[in-house]
Amino acid sequence: MVRGYEVFVELLSRRLGGGFAAYAPALTGCVADGATSEEALENLADAIDCWIAYARQSGRRIPEPTANGAAEPQTSPAN
């Protein structure tokens, strides 16, 4: 969990620049990347903060976090 939201981390192909992408499905469009999975998760935490701040500003509904505390991010299934 990042900021209480379920997150997924995916390995990016070399064609896409390599590294990792992390996203929070509950927050549509909230995605971040990084050279390592840890960096992607750190960047996602910032992205979540920005997503929530923008949602508040624009009057959008903010989904409730799914849980408090930290847990291991899930790796999305390979396509």
Protein backbone atom coordinates (compact mmCIF):
# COMPACT_ATOMS: atom_id res chain seq x y z
CA MET A 1 0.00 0.00 0.00
CA VAL A 2 1.13 3.50 -0.73
CA ARG A 3 -0.72 6.20 1.17
CA GLY A 4 -3.27 3.49 1.96
CA TYR A 5 -4.04 2.70 -1.69
CA GLU A 6 -3.46 -0.65 -3.36
CA VAL A 7 -0.67 -0.29 -5.91
CA PHE A 8 0.85 -2.40 -8.66
CA VAL A 9 4.38 -2.34 -10.06
CA GLU A 10 5.31 -3.48 -13.55
CA LEU A 11 8.64 -3.96 -15.25
CA LEU A 12 8.84 -1.76 -18.34
CA SER A 13 10.26 -3.17 -21.56
CA ARG A 14 13.46 -1.75 -23.00
CA ARG A 15 11.34 -0.42 -25.86
CA LEU A 16 9.52 1.74 -23.29
CA GLY A 17 12.78 2.87 -21.70
CA GLY A 18 13.17 0.14 -19.09
CA GLY A 19 12.74 0.61 -15.37
CA PHE A 20 9.46 0.18 -13.55
CA ALA A 21 5.99 1.69 -13.58
CA ALA A 22 3.79 1.91 -10.50
CA TYR A 23 0.12 2.78 -10.43
CA ALA A 24 -2.84 3.05 -8.08
CA PRO A 25 -5.96 1.69 -9.83
CA ALA A 26 -8.36 3.50 -7.48
CA LEU A 27 -6.93 6.84 -8.62
CA THR A 28 -7.56 6.88 -12.36
CA GLY A 29 -4.47 7.98 -14.26
CA CYS A 30 -2.20 8.06 -11.21
CA VAL A 31 1.03 6.52 -12.51
CA ALA A 32 4.73 7.00 -11.84
CA ASP A 33 7.95 5.38 -12.97
CA GLY A 34 11.51 4.92 -11.81
CA ALA A 35 14.74 3.11 -12.50
CA THR A 36 13.98 0.65 -9.67
CA SER A 37 10.71 -0.59 -8.20
CA GLU A 38 11.52 1.31 -5.00
CA GLU A 39 12.04 4.56 -6.92
CA ALA A 40 8.79 4.02 -8.84
CA LEU A 41 6.94 3.59 -5.52
CA GLU A 42 8.54 6.73 -4.04
CA ASN A 43 7.52 8.66 -7.15
CA LEU A 44 4.02 7.18 -6.94
CA ALA A 45 3.66 8.46 -3.38
CA ASP A 46 4.32 11.98 -4.73
CA ALA A 47 1.95 11.37 -7.63
CA ILE A 48 -0.80 10.28 -5.24
CA ASP A 49 -0.34 13.47 -3.19
CA CYS A 50 -0.59 15.56 -6.38
CA TRP A 51 -3.61 13.57 -7.63
CA ILE A 52 -5.45 14.16 -4.36
CA ALA A 53 -4.53 17.86 -4.23
CA TYR A 54 -5.82 18.38 -7.77
CA ALA A 55 -8.99 16.41 -7.06
CA ARG A 56 -9.70 18.60 -4.02
CA GLN A 57 -9.10 21.75 -6.07
CA SER A 58 -11.39 20.65 -8.86
CA GLY A 59 -14.11 19.23 -6.61
CA ARG A 60 -13.60 15.64 -7.76
CA ARG A 61 -14.50 12.72 -5.55
CA ILE A 62 -11.47 11.19 -3.83
CA PRO A 63 -11.70 7.42 -3.31
CA GLU A 64 -11.12 6.33 0.27
CA PRO A 65 -7.82 4.56 0.94
CA THR A 66 -8.30 0.83 1.12
CA ALA A 67 -6.18 0.35 4.26
CA ASN A 68 -3.86 2.09 6.68
CA GLY A 69 -0.23 1.14 7.07
CA ALA A 70 2.27 -0.26 4.64
CA ALA A 71 2.26 -3.50 2.75
CA GLU A 72 4.19 -4.94 -0.13
CA PRO A 73 3.11 -3.67 -3.55
CA GLN A 74 1.68 -6.27 -5.88
CA THR A 75 3.24 -7.12 -9.20
CA SER A 76 0.66 -7.07 -11.95
CA PRO A 77 0.25 -10.24 -13.98
CA ALA A 78 2.30 -10.46 -17.16
CA ASN A 79 0.34 -9.93 -20.34
